[in-house]
Amino acid sequence: MKKASDKDPPKSASALAAAPARGPGRPPAADGRSVSRASILRAALRLAKETPLQDLSILMVARSMKIAPGLVHYYLGGRDWLTSGVINLFYKELVKNWPAETGVWEDDLRAAAKLVYGHFANYGGVAAYVVSNSRFRIYQLTAFSDKDWGVEFLERFAARVHACGLSAERSALYAHLLLEFIINTGHATARHIHPAEHRKFLEEKTAQLDPQKFPNIFLDRFSPLTIDGSVAFDELCRLFLLGIKTDLATAREPNGALEAASRPPRRSQSKRGSALPG
């Protein structure tokens, strides 16, 4: 029997209807339950709360649903379609909960950033994939007239940054860096990396340091121990917003030369391009 490759698209409606060796309709699960592409992707997204998406196999999804792995191949077409399908569903949920605009760019951007951070923190498996892979970060495989929800998300997020009033180039820079910060902070929260979650261990280790040899570490030994995901997000978000407001103030000065003076020299774009699309 031919194994579906990662590049194979899901079965078309006509192909599903014409599939041999079974009766009409969808192939059922072993217990007679109906299986669909949507139900498989929902099950996979649930697994991606904990399991890194790069480690989430078709076999794991099949076992969680108590169905044959062949059914997952049948409806999705291969591993790439599974990965992209899960991320697309992830972004769809994010867009469906997108916060309404208030008309105050700072409040609107903070609200959007907080939503994105919480979503990545909730789906640690998706965050683990996105921090280490460029493919499917934004742009998704689509079939059956599916909408690319990664693009829908990026459009909304970029609009929140553009609303601040900076130039297109500065807005793009802030959008890219802010999104990188959000994803990495969400991943750290999901994986329990922040210092506050390792307070006892860190207190014991720093207590063993010689304050004469490591005076700065010893001086600040208690401050990092309060940093958890929410503290890290709130403080770094504040710094990003402060940076935007500083750029705005500089650009409005009579002799402000933000674009010419404070912007670093442009570099030739690599083949990989921005880390936003994938």
Protein backbone atom coordinates (compact mmCIF):
# COMPACT_ATOMS: atom_id res chain seq x y z
CA MET A 1 0.00 0.00 0.00
CA LYS A 2 1.36 3.41 -0.94
CA LYS A 3 2.19 5.66 2.01
CA ALA A 4 1.04 9.26 1.76
CA SER A 5 3.94 11.69 1.58
CA ASP A 6 4.21 14.97 3.46
CA LYS A 7 3.52 16.83 0.25
CA ASP A 8 0.33 14.90 -0.56
CA PRO A 9 -2.74 17.12 -0.11
CA PRO A 10 -5.84 15.89 1.71
CA LYS A 11 -8.23 13.79 -0.29
CA SER A 12 -10.61 15.75 -2.45
CA ALA A 13 -14.32 15.27 -2.01
CA SER A 14 -14.51 13.19 -5.18
CA ALA A 15 -11.57 11.05 -4.12
CA LEU A 16 -13.16 10.41 -0.75
CA ALA A 17 -16.37 9.30 -2.38
CA ALA A 18 -14.53 7.05 -4.82
CA ALA A 19 -12.18 5.40 -2.32
CA PRO A 20 -12.19 1.59 -2.75
CA ALA A 21 -12.48 -1.25 -0.22
CA ARG A 22 -15.19 0.31 1.89
CA GLY A 23 -18.80 1.35 1.76
CA PRO A 24 -20.01 4.85 0.93
CA GLY A 25 -19.40 7.70 3.37
CA ARG A 26 -16.57 8.46 5.72
CA PRO A 27 -14.34 5.69 7.04
CA PRO A 28 -15.45 5.07 10.62
CA ALA A 29 -13.25 4.60 13.67
CA ALA A 30 -12.90 1.12 15.11
CA ASP A 31 -15.82 1.74 17.46
CA GLY A 32 -18.02 3.14 14.71
CA ARG A 33 -17.48 6.82 15.50
CA SER A 34 -17.36 9.21 12.55
CA VAL A 35 -13.93 10.69 11.80
CA SER A 36 -13.29 13.90 9.89
CA ARG A 37 -10.42 16.18 9.02
CA ALA A 38 -11.75 18.77 11.48
CA SER A 39 -12.00 16.28 14.35
CA ILE A 40 -8.44 15.06 13.72
CA LEU A 41 -7.05 18.60 13.76
CA ARG A 42 -8.96 19.46 16.94
CA ALA A 43 -7.53 16.37 18.64
CA ALA A 44 -4.02 17.26 17.46
CA LEU A 45 -4.35 20.83 18.73
CA ARG A 46 -5.36 19.53 22.15
CA LEU A 47 -2.21 17.41 22.22
CA ALA A 48 -0.17 20.46 21.22
CA LYS A 49 -0.94 22.06 24.57
CA GLU A 50 1.87 19.93 25.99
CA THR A 51 3.55 18.02 23.15
CA PRO A 52 5.97 20.00 20.95
CA LEU A 53 4.41 20.12 17.52
CA GLN A 54 7.63 18.92 15.88
CA ASP A 55 7.29 15.74 17.98
CA LEU A 56 3.58 15.27 17.36
CA SER A 57 3.27 12.34 14.97
CA ILE A 58 0.37 10.97 13.03
CA LEU A 59 0.63 7.84 15.16
CA MET A 60 0.27 9.87 18.38
CA VAL A 61 -2.82 11.62 17.07
CA ALA A 62 -4.33 8.34 15.93
CA ARG A 63 -3.73 6.73 19.32
CA SER A 64 -5.29 9.67 21.15
CA MET A 65 -8.42 9.26 19.02
CA LYS A 66 -8.29 5.46 19.11
CA ILE A 67 -8.33 5.25 15.33
CA ALA A 68 -6.03 3.68 12.75
CA PRO A 69 -3.10 5.89 11.59
CA GLY A 70 -4.27 5.30 8.04
CA LEU A 71 -7.35 7.41 8.73
CA VAL A 72 -5.19 10.39 9.66
CA HIS A 73 -3.23 9.98 6.42
CA TYR A 74 -6.50 9.55 4.57
CA TYR A 75 -7.95 12.86 5.72
CA LEU A 76 -4.84 15.02 6.12
CA GLY A 77 -2.43 13.69 3.51
CA GLY A 78 0.83 13.67 5.50
CA ARG A 79 2.94 15.17 8.28
CA ASP A 80 3.26 18.66 6.79
CA TRP A 81 -0.50 18.90 6.47
CA LEU A 82 -0.87 17.85 10.09
CA THR A 83 1.63 20.45 11.33
CA SER A 84 0.24 23.28 9.21
CA GLY A 85 -3.35 22.29 9.96
CA VAL A 86 -2.74 22.46 13.71
CA ILE A 87 -1.04 25.86 13.48
CA ASN A 88 -3.80 27.17 11.23
CA LEU A 89 -6.41 26.08 13.78
CA PHE A 90 -4.29 27.67 16.53
CA TYR A 91 -4.33 31.00 14.68
CA LYS A 92 -8.03 30.66 13.93
CA GLU A 93 -8.82 30.46 17.65
CA LEU A 94 -6.57 33.46 18.24
CA VAL A 95 -8.27 35.59 15.59
CA LYS A 96 -11.75 34.62 16.80
CA ASN A 97 -10.87 36.07 20.21
CA TRP A 98 -9.17 39.20 18.87
CA PRO A 99 -9.80 42.18 21.19
CA ALA A 100 -11.96 45.04 19.99
CA GLU A 101 -10.32 48.37 19.26
CA THR A 102 -10.66 51.23 21.71
CA GLY A 103 -9.12 53.91 19.50
CA VAL A 104 -6.11 54.30 21.83
CA TRP A 105 -3.19 52.68 20.00
CA GLU A 106 -1.20 51.94 23.15
CA ASP A 107 -4.09 50.16 24.88
CA ASP A 108 -5.04 48.31 21.70
CA LEU A 109 -1.50 47.08 21.06
CA ARG A 110 -1.05 45.97 24.67
CA ALA A 111 -4.36 44.07 24.60
CA ALA A 112 -3.44 42.28 21.37
CA ALA A 113 0.04 41.43 22.65
CA LYS A 114 -1.37 40.04 25.90
CA LEU A 115 -3.84 37.84 24.02
CA VAL A 116 -1.10 36.44 21.76
CA TYR A 117 1.19 35.82 24.74
CA GLY A 118 -1.53 33.95 26.62
CA HIS A 119 -2.39 31.83 23.58
CA PHE A 120 1.21 30.73 23.05
CA ALA A 121 1.61 30.08 26.78
CA ASN A 122 -1.53 27.92 26.69
CA TYR A 123 -0.33 25.93 23.67
CA GLY A 124 3.25 25.22 24.66
CA GLY A 125 3.65 22.63 21.91
CA VAL A 126 2.90 25.20 19.22
CA ALA A 127 5.23 27.72 20.88
CA ALA A 128 8.00 25.10 21.02
CA TYR A 129 7.64 24.56 17.27
CA VAL A 130 7.48 28.22 16.31
CA VAL A 131 10.57 29.26 18.32
CA SER A 132 12.71 26.73 16.47
CA ASN A 133 11.18 26.51 12.98
CA SER A 134 10.56 29.06 10.25
CA ARG A 135 8.20 26.96 8.14
CA PHE A 136 4.49 27.44 8.90
CA ARG A 137 5.23 30.24 11.35
CA ILE A 138 2.68 32.34 9.49
CA TYR A 139 1.83 31.03 6.02
CA GLN A 140 -0.10 27.76 5.99
CA LEU A 141 -1.02 24.98 3.60
CA THR A 142 -4.68 25.22 2.68
CA ALA A 143 -7.20 22.93 1.02
CA PHE A 144 -10.97 22.80 0.49
CA SER A 145 -10.99 26.64 0.29
CA ASP A 146 -9.65 26.91 3.85
CA LYS A 147 -8.65 30.38 4.98
CA ASP A 148 -5.01 30.97 5.94
CA TRP A 149 -5.53 32.08 9.52
CA GLY A 150 -1.83 32.81 9.98
CA VAL A 151 -2.13 35.60 7.43
CA GLU A 152 -5.34 36.82 9.07
CA PHE A 153 -3.53 37.00 12.40
CA LEU A 154 -0.47 38.80 11.01
CA GLU A 155 -2.66 41.40 9.29
CA ARG A 156 -4.43 42.21 12.56
CA PHE A 157 -1.24 42.28 14.61
CA ALA A 158 0.57 44.51 12.10
CA ALA A 159 -2.42 46.87 12.06
CA ARG A 160 -2.13 47.35 15.83
CA VAL A 161 1.52 48.36 15.46
CA HIS A 162 0.92 50.58 12.41
CA ALA A 163 -1.78 52.45 14.36
CA CYS A 164 0.92 54.07 16.51
CA GLY A 165 1.84 56.36 13.62
CA LEU A 166 5.45 55.42 12.89
CA SER A 167 6.83 54.91 9.40
CA ALA A 168 6.19 51.63 7.64
CA GLU A 169 9.81 50.55 8.15
CA ARG A 170 9.85 51.33 11.89
CA SER A 171 6.43 49.75 12.37
CA ALA A 172 7.58 46.57 10.64
CA LEU A 173 10.66 46.45 12.87
CA TYR A 174 8.62 46.82 16.04
CA ALA A 175 6.02 44.28 14.86
CA HIS A 176 8.73 41.72 14.17
CA LEU A 177 10.63 42.23 17.42
CA LEU A 178 7.51 42.44 19.57
CA LEU A 179 6.15 39.22 18.11
CA GLU A 180 9.49 37.48 18.68
CA PHE A 181 9.42 38.59 22.32
CA ILE A 182 5.81 37.45 22.78
CA ILE A 183 6.42 34.00 21.30
CA ASN A 184 9.59 33.40 23.31
CA THR A 185 8.01 34.61 26.55
CA GLY A 186 4.97 32.42 25.93
CA HIS A 187 7.25 29.45 25.31
CA ALA A 188 9.23 30.14 28.49
CA THR A 189 5.99 30.33 30.46
CA ALA A 190 4.66 27.09 29.02
CA ARG A 191 7.95 25.31 29.76
CA HIS A 192 8.31 26.79 33.26
CA ILE A 193 11.65 28.43 32.52
CA HIS A 194 11.18 31.72 34.42
CA PRO A 195 13.26 32.25 37.60
CA ALA A 196 10.26 32.46 39.95
CA GLU A 197 9.47 28.82 39.23
CA HIS A 198 12.95 27.77 40.34
CA ARG A 199 13.29 30.06 43.34
CA LYS A 200 14.55 27.51 45.87
CA PHE A 201 17.24 26.14 43.56
CA LEU A 202 18.44 29.61 42.56
CA GLU A 203 18.51 30.83 46.16
CA GLU A 204 20.66 27.87 47.15
CA LYS A 205 23.08 28.36 44.26
CA THR A 206 23.52 32.11 44.69
CA ALA A 207 23.98 31.70 48.45
CA GLN A 208 27.10 29.67 47.69
CA LEU A 209 28.74 32.45 45.67
CA ASP A 210 31.56 34.54 47.08
CA PRO A 211 30.20 38.13 47.27
CA GLN A 212 33.73 39.50 46.82
CA LYS A 213 34.25 37.59 43.60
CA PHE A 214 30.71 38.00 42.23
CA PRO A 215 29.49 41.27 43.80
CA ASN A 216 26.90 42.12 41.14
CA ILE A 217 25.25 38.72 41.11
CA PHE A 218 25.20 38.71 44.90
CA LEU A 219 23.75 42.23 45.08
CA ASP A 220 20.88 41.35 42.72
CA ARG A 221 20.40 37.80 43.94
CA PHE A 222 16.80 38.22 45.10
CA SER A 223 15.42 40.47 42.33
CA PRO A 224 15.25 37.89 39.49
CA LEU A 225 13.45 35.41 41.75
CA THR A 226 10.20 37.35 41.40
CA ILE A 227 10.18 37.12 37.60
CA ASP A 228 7.47 34.84 36.27
CA GLY A 229 5.72 34.87 32.90
CA SER A 230 3.34 37.71 33.69
CA VAL A 231 6.08 39.91 35.16
CA ALA A 232 8.35 39.30 32.16
CA PHE A 233 5.55 40.04 29.71
CA ASP A 234 4.32 43.19 31.46
CA GLU A 235 7.79 44.71 31.84
CA LEU A 236 9.06 43.96 28.36
CA CYS A 237 5.78 45.10 26.83
CA ARG A 238 6.19 48.37 28.75
CA LEU A 239 9.70 48.76 27.33
CA PHE A 240 8.49 48.16 23.77
CA LEU A 241 5.73 50.74 24.15
CA LEU A 242 8.21 53.19 25.66
CA GLY A 243 10.48 52.65 22.67
CA ILE A 244 7.64 53.38 20.26
CA LYS A 245 6.68 56.55 22.13
CA THR A 246 10.31 57.69 22.16
CA ASP A 247 10.52 57.16 18.39
CA LEU A 248 7.28 59.12 17.93
CA ALA A 249 8.56 62.01 20.04
CA THR A 250 11.87 62.10 18.15
CA ALA A 251 10.14 62.02 14.77
CA ARG A 252 7.93 64.99 15.74
CA GLU A 253 10.84 67.24 16.72
CA PRO A 254 11.48 70.10 14.24
CA ASN A 255 14.94 68.82 13.42
CA GLY A 256 14.21 65.21 14.21
CA ALA A 257 16.25 62.89 12.05
CA LEU A 258 15.04 59.56 13.37
CA GLU A 259 15.01 57.89 10.00
CA ALA A 260 18.50 59.07 9.05
CA ALA A 261 20.36 59.19 12.34
CA SER A 262 19.01 56.61 14.77
CA ARG A 263 18.18 53.87 12.31
CA PRO A 264 21.00 51.35 11.84
CA PRO A 265 22.38 50.82 8.33
CA ARG A 266 20.21 48.59 6.20
CA ARG A 267 21.49 45.12 5.53
CA SER A 268 20.83 43.05 2.45
CA GLN A 269 17.95 40.67 3.08
CA SER A 270 18.95 37.03 3.46
CA LYS A 271 17.18 34.28 1.61
CA ARG A 272 15.26 33.45 4.78
CA GLY A 273 13.98 37.02 5.07
CA SER A 274 11.99 38.13 8.08
CA ALA A 275 11.35 35.63 10.84
CA LEU A 276 7.66 36.58 10.81
CA PRO A 277 6.53 34.71 7.70
CA GLY A 278 7.09 30.99 7.43
